[in-house]
Amino acid sequence: MSVASSEFRKVTTHSLREMKERGEKISMLTAYDYSFARMLDAAGIDVLLVGDSASNVMAGHQTTLPITLDQMIYHAGSVVRGVERALIVVDLPFGSYQGNSKEALQSTIRIMKESGAHAVKLEGGSEVLESIERILTAGVPVMGHLGLTPQSIYKFGTYTVRAREEEEAERLKRDAHALQDAGCFALVLEKIPAPLAREVATSLSIPVIGIGAGSGVDGQVLVVHDMLGITHEFHPRFLRRYLNLYEEIGGAVRHYVSDIKSGEFPGPGEQYNT
């Protein structure tokens, strides 16, 4: 019996905070389609993030920037139809909220109405507070995201660890508290020093989910294609691969091709005679 079916309880923003309070770690993975969402939900994942990383792993782009709001809504709707238990959070894509809180609200409303998701996530600190506050006035939960923010990759110029210097670390801590004070229900910290992430998580009452932020936070998130070894060429320090599906799927397909070429497939029991 799966974790989800044996201890079924719909995950909500409130239950995530309860998990933090009792010291239970939160599990989070990305999902982009119905089939994967159904499997991940049945396995007991707490949060599914419909990430703008779909731009990379689903569409083959080099960055997250090209994916559109319409495409995010498509992926989110597919995930929602496969889920019974997990909380579903959707990334607001690049260009749908920056610098315009009215557009941020309109983008969020479209995601919520057209996909059926439960919350949205957006990158940034003080510069997006107005957008966060406006979204929250509509009753939509918001997850924040600090540290390495992939939508700003051209500003950073590199995917290296962020907030190593004291000035940037202090700014991140201020932004984290500002996001909590604004009403965010949770926060993602990406690729920052583990001691800093632990300090932030300890100082906040909202859950802090890490990716490349060490073990001192309240939960972890990975891109599912990375965790399952589908994106075999990606080797960051923070990634633990639980399968090597690139090789396993490749082997299965090679076997299939061989069976067709040899005439072994389909066999007598795999065809209709009458």
Protein backbone atom coordinates (compact mmCIF):
# COMPACT_ATOMS: atom_id res chain seq x y z
CA MET A 1 0.00 0.00 0.00
CA SER A 2 1.34 3.41 -0.91
CA VAL A 3 2.16 6.08 1.64
CA ALA A 4 -0.60 8.27 0.24
CA SER A 5 -3.33 5.62 0.48
CA SER A 6 -2.31 4.29 3.90
CA GLU A 7 -2.19 7.75 5.54
CA PHE A 8 -4.46 9.77 3.29
CA ARG A 9 -4.85 13.38 4.25
CA LYS A 10 -5.11 16.17 1.74
CA VAL A 11 -2.02 18.35 2.00
CA THR A 12 -2.78 22.05 2.48
CA THR A 13 -0.77 25.16 3.27
CA HIS A 14 -1.94 24.76 6.87
CA SER A 15 -0.77 21.16 7.12
CA LEU A 16 2.67 22.16 5.79
CA ARG A 17 3.04 24.61 8.67
CA GLU A 18 1.93 21.86 11.08
CA MET A 19 4.64 19.63 9.62
CA LYS A 20 7.26 22.30 10.31
CA GLU A 21 6.02 22.76 13.87
CA ARG A 22 6.33 19.07 14.68
CA GLY A 23 9.66 18.69 12.86
CA GLU A 24 8.39 16.51 10.02
CA LYS A 25 10.33 17.09 6.80
CA ILE A 26 8.37 18.10 3.70
CA SER A 27 8.87 16.26 0.39
CA MET A 28 8.48 18.13 -2.89
CA LEU A 29 9.11 17.26 -6.54
CA THR A 30 8.32 18.85 -9.86
CA ALA A 31 5.65 17.41 -12.14
CA TYR A 32 4.51 18.42 -15.60
CA ASP A 33 2.01 15.79 -16.79
CA TYR A 34 -0.83 13.54 -15.67
CA SER A 35 1.02 10.21 -15.65
CA PHE A 36 3.96 11.36 -13.57
CA ALA A 37 1.71 13.34 -11.23
CA ARG A 38 -0.44 10.28 -10.58
CA MET A 39 2.60 8.14 -9.74
CA LEU A 40 4.24 10.75 -7.52
CA ASP A 41 1.01 11.46 -5.65
CA ALA A 42 0.35 7.77 -5.03
CA ALA A 43 3.90 7.40 -3.69
CA GLY A 44 3.16 9.97 -0.97
CA ILE A 45 4.82 13.18 -2.14
CA ASP A 46 3.63 16.18 -0.11
CA VAL A 47 3.97 18.98 -2.67
CA LEU A 48 4.09 18.91 -6.46
CA LEU A 49 5.60 21.93 -8.15
CA VAL A 50 4.54 22.58 -11.72
CA GLY A 51 7.87 24.24 -12.36
CA ASP A 52 8.91 26.57 -15.12
CA SER A 53 11.75 24.03 -15.41
CA ALA A 54 9.35 22.45 -17.90
CA SER A 55 11.00 24.91 -20.26
CA ASN A 56 14.21 22.87 -19.86
CA VAL A 57 13.20 19.26 -19.36
CA MET A 58 10.01 19.18 -21.45
CA ALA A 59 10.72 21.70 -24.21
CA GLY A 60 14.52 21.59 -24.43
CA HIS A 61 15.25 25.27 -23.82
CA GLN A 62 18.50 26.34 -22.17
CA THR A 63 16.73 28.53 -19.58
CA THR A 64 13.33 28.82 -17.94
CA LEU A 65 12.61 32.13 -19.63
CA PRO A 66 10.86 31.01 -22.86
CA ILE A 67 7.94 29.12 -21.29
CA THR A 68 4.63 30.99 -21.55
CA LEU A 69 1.68 31.39 -19.22
CA ASP A 70 -0.50 29.32 -21.56
CA GLN A 71 2.04 26.50 -21.49
CA MET A 72 2.26 26.60 -17.71
CA ILE A 73 -1.51 26.39 -17.46
CA TYR A 74 -1.50 23.37 -19.79
CA HIS A 75 1.07 21.54 -17.66
CA ALA A 76 -0.68 22.53 -14.42
CA GLY A 77 -4.06 21.25 -15.60
CA SER A 78 -2.48 17.93 -16.58
CA VAL A 79 -0.93 17.57 -13.12
CA VAL A 80 -4.12 18.51 -11.28
CA ARG A 81 -6.04 15.71 -13.02
CA GLY A 82 -3.58 13.14 -11.68
CA VAL A 83 -3.50 14.19 -8.02
CA GLU A 84 -5.67 13.33 -5.01
CA ARG A 85 -3.45 14.19 -2.02
CA ALA A 86 -0.52 16.50 -2.80
CA LEU A 87 -0.57 20.28 -2.69
CA ILE A 88 -0.06 21.63 -6.23
CA VAL A 89 2.00 24.80 -6.64
CA VAL A 90 2.52 26.46 -10.03
CA ASP A 91 5.40 28.72 -11.03
CA LEU A 92 4.43 32.09 -12.43
CA PRO A 93 6.56 32.22 -15.60
CA PHE A 94 8.98 34.97 -16.55
CA GLY A 95 7.17 38.09 -17.77
CA SER A 96 3.86 37.31 -16.08
CA TYR A 97 4.40 39.22 -12.83
CA GLN A 98 7.64 41.23 -12.75
CA GLY A 99 7.12 44.96 -12.36
CA ASN A 100 3.35 44.86 -12.71
CA SER A 101 1.24 43.69 -9.78
CA LYS A 102 -1.98 43.93 -11.78
CA GLU A 103 -0.57 41.57 -14.41
CA ALA A 104 0.67 39.29 -11.62
CA LEU A 105 -2.86 38.99 -10.27
CA GLN A 106 -4.34 38.42 -13.73
CA SER A 107 -1.77 35.70 -14.44
CA THR A 108 -2.50 34.04 -11.11
CA ILE A 109 -6.25 34.11 -11.63
CA ARG A 110 -5.84 32.43 -15.01
CA ILE A 111 -3.69 29.69 -13.47
CA MET A 112 -6.13 29.05 -10.63
CA LYS A 113 -9.30 29.13 -12.75
CA GLU A 114 -8.01 27.26 -15.80
CA SER A 115 -5.86 24.59 -14.11
CA GLY A 116 -7.42 24.03 -10.69
CA ALA A 117 -4.06 24.33 -8.90
CA HIS A 118 -3.80 25.28 -5.23
CA ALA A 119 -1.07 27.96 -5.06
CA VAL A 120 1.51 29.87 -7.08
CA LYS A 121 5.23 30.48 -6.68
CA LEU A 122 7.26 33.47 -7.81
CA GLU A 123 10.90 34.43 -7.61
CA GLY A 124 12.36 37.45 -5.85
CA GLY A 125 12.31 39.46 -2.64
CA SER A 126 11.45 43.08 -1.96
CA GLU A 127 11.07 43.83 -5.66
CA VAL A 128 8.02 41.52 -5.96
CA LEU A 129 6.30 42.31 -2.66
CA GLU A 130 3.64 44.43 -4.33
CA SER A 131 2.76 41.54 -6.66
CA ILE A 132 2.64 39.08 -3.76
CA GLU A 133 0.38 41.32 -1.71
CA ARG A 134 -2.01 41.85 -4.61
CA ILE A 135 -2.20 38.11 -5.32
CA LEU A 136 -2.92 37.43 -1.66
CA THR A 137 -5.84 39.88 -1.71
CA ALA A 138 -7.52 37.43 -4.10
CA GLY A 139 -7.13 34.63 -1.57
CA VAL A 140 -4.45 32.74 -3.51
CA PRO A 141 -1.60 31.22 -1.47
CA VAL A 142 1.90 32.31 -2.54
CA MET A 143 5.21 30.49 -2.16
CA GLY A 144 8.36 32.60 -2.36
CA HIS A 145 11.72 31.74 -3.91
CA LEU A 146 15.11 33.25 -2.97
CA GLY A 147 18.77 32.50 -3.56
CA LEU A 148 19.52 31.34 -7.07
CA THR A 149 16.49 32.49 -9.05
CA PRO A 150 16.71 30.94 -12.54
CA GLN A 151 14.49 33.59 -14.16
CA SER A 152 17.24 36.10 -13.35
CA ILE A 153 20.05 33.97 -14.78
CA TYR A 154 21.15 36.65 -17.26
CA LYS A 155 21.56 39.11 -14.39
CA PHE A 156 23.63 36.63 -12.38
CA GLY A 157 25.51 35.32 -15.42
CA THR A 158 26.15 31.98 -13.70
CA TYR A 159 24.41 29.16 -11.83
CA THR A 160 26.94 29.29 -8.99
CA VAL A 161 26.03 29.31 -5.28
CA ARG A 162 24.41 32.58 -4.16
CA ALA A 163 24.70 34.61 -0.93
CA ARG A 164 28.25 33.60 -0.08
CA GLU A 165 29.18 37.21 0.62
CA GLU A 166 27.88 38.91 3.76
CA GLU A 167 26.03 41.69 1.95
CA GLU A 168 24.01 39.33 -0.23
CA ALA A 169 23.39 36.98 2.70
CA GLU A 170 22.01 39.83 4.80
CA ARG A 171 19.77 40.93 1.93
CA LEU A 172 18.47 37.37 1.55
CA LYS A 173 17.61 37.21 5.26
CA ARG A 174 15.78 40.53 5.05
CA ASP A 175 13.89 39.37 1.97
CA ALA A 176 12.94 36.08 3.62
CA HIS A 177 11.34 37.89 6.56
CA ALA A 178 9.67 40.37 4.21
CA LEU A 179 8.10 37.51 2.24
CA GLN A 180 6.85 35.90 5.44
CA ASP A 181 5.48 39.22 6.70
CA ALA A 182 3.74 39.79 3.37
CA GLY A 183 1.87 36.51 3.80
CA CYS A 184 3.78 33.83 1.88
CA PHE A 185 2.91 30.38 3.20
CA ALA A 186 6.33 28.87 2.38
CA LEU A 187 9.69 29.70 0.85
CA VAL A 188 12.10 27.93 -1.48
CA LEU A 189 15.82 28.58 -0.98
CA GLU A 190 17.93 27.53 -3.95
CA LYS A 191 21.67 26.94 -4.02
CA ILE A 192 22.84 28.92 -0.99
CA PRO A 193 25.28 27.96 1.79
CA ALA A 194 23.80 25.39 4.19
CA PRO A 195 24.51 27.40 7.38
CA LEU A 196 22.66 30.42 5.95
CA ALA A 197 19.70 28.27 4.90
CA ARG A 198 19.52 26.73 8.36
CA GLU A 199 19.58 30.19 9.96
CA VAL A 200 16.75 31.39 7.73
CA ALA A 201 14.63 28.29 8.30
CA THR A 202 15.09 28.54 12.07
CA SER A 203 14.16 32.21 12.13
CA LEU A 204 10.94 31.83 10.12
CA SER A 205 7.63 30.34 11.21
CA ILE A 206 6.74 29.34 7.62
CA PRO A 207 8.21 26.19 6.02
CA VAL A 208 11.46 26.57 4.10
CA ILE A 209 12.09 24.12 1.24
CA GLY A 210 15.63 23.74 0.01
CA ILE A 211 17.29 22.77 -3.24
CA GLY A 212 21.03 22.83 -2.88
CA ALA A 213 20.56 24.49 0.52
CA GLY A 214 21.61 21.71 2.87
CA SER A 215 19.73 19.62 5.41
CA GLY A 216 18.87 22.31 7.95
CA VAL A 217 15.67 23.41 6.21
CA ASP A 218 12.12 22.06 6.54
CA GLY A 219 12.00 20.06 3.33
CA GLN A 220 13.59 19.35 -0.03
CA VAL A 221 12.64 19.76 -3.67
CA LEU A 222 14.24 18.34 -6.81
CA VAL A 223 13.36 18.31 -10.49
CA VAL A 224 11.84 14.87 -11.03
CA HIS A 225 13.72 14.30 -14.29
CA ASP A 226 16.99 14.88 -12.44
CA MET A 227 16.09 12.69 -9.46
CA LEU A 228 15.08 9.79 -11.72
CA GLY A 229 18.16 10.07 -13.92
CA ILE A 230 16.38 11.07 -17.12
CA THR A 231 18.55 14.19 -17.51
CA HIS A 232 21.76 12.19 -17.28
CA GLU A 233 24.12 15.05 -18.22
CA PHE A 234 23.23 17.21 -15.18
CA HIS A 235 25.58 16.67 -12.19
CA PRO A 236 25.24 19.36 -9.49
CA ARG A 237 26.53 18.52 -6.01
CA PHE A 238 23.06 18.73 -4.44
CA LEU A 239 21.48 16.14 -6.75
CA ARG A 240 20.94 12.55 -5.57
CA ARG A 241 19.82 10.21 -8.36
CA TYR A 242 17.48 7.46 -7.23
CA LEU A 243 17.29 5.78 -10.64
CA ASN A 244 19.16 5.86 -13.94
CA LEU A 245 16.16 5.93 -16.27
CA TYR A 246 18.19 7.31 -19.15
CA GLU A 247 20.05 4.00 -19.40
CA GLU A 248 17.09 1.81 -18.41
CA ILE A 249 14.71 3.34 -20.92
CA GLY A 250 17.39 3.32 -23.60
CA GLY A 251 18.01 -0.36 -22.94
CA ALA A 252 14.31 -1.18 -23.15
CA VAL A 253 13.94 0.69 -26.44
CA ARG A 254 17.00 -1.03 -27.91
CA HIS A 255 15.51 -4.39 -26.90
CA TYR A 256 12.21 -3.42 -28.54
CA VAL A 257 13.94 -2.40 -31.76
CA SER A 258 15.90 -5.65 -31.79
CA ASP A 259 12.76 -7.75 -31.29
CA ILE A 260 11.02 -6.00 -34.19
CA LYS A 261 14.01 -6.38 -36.51
CA SER A 262 14.34 -10.08 -35.68
CA GLY A 263 10.63 -10.77 -36.03
CA GLU A 264 10.35 -11.89 -32.40
CA PHE A 265 7.77 -9.22 -31.66
CA PRO A 266 4.85 -9.64 -31.86
CA GLY A 267 4.81 -13.30 -30.88
CA PRO A 268 1.93 -15.78 -31.19
CA GLY A 269 0.37 -14.62 -27.93
CA GLU A 270 0.49 -10.95 -28.94
CA GLN A 271 -1.74 -11.06 -32.01
CA TYR A 272 -5.35 -11.79 -32.95
CA ASN A 273 -6.03 -14.91 -35.05
CA THR A 274 -9.79 -14.59 -35.47
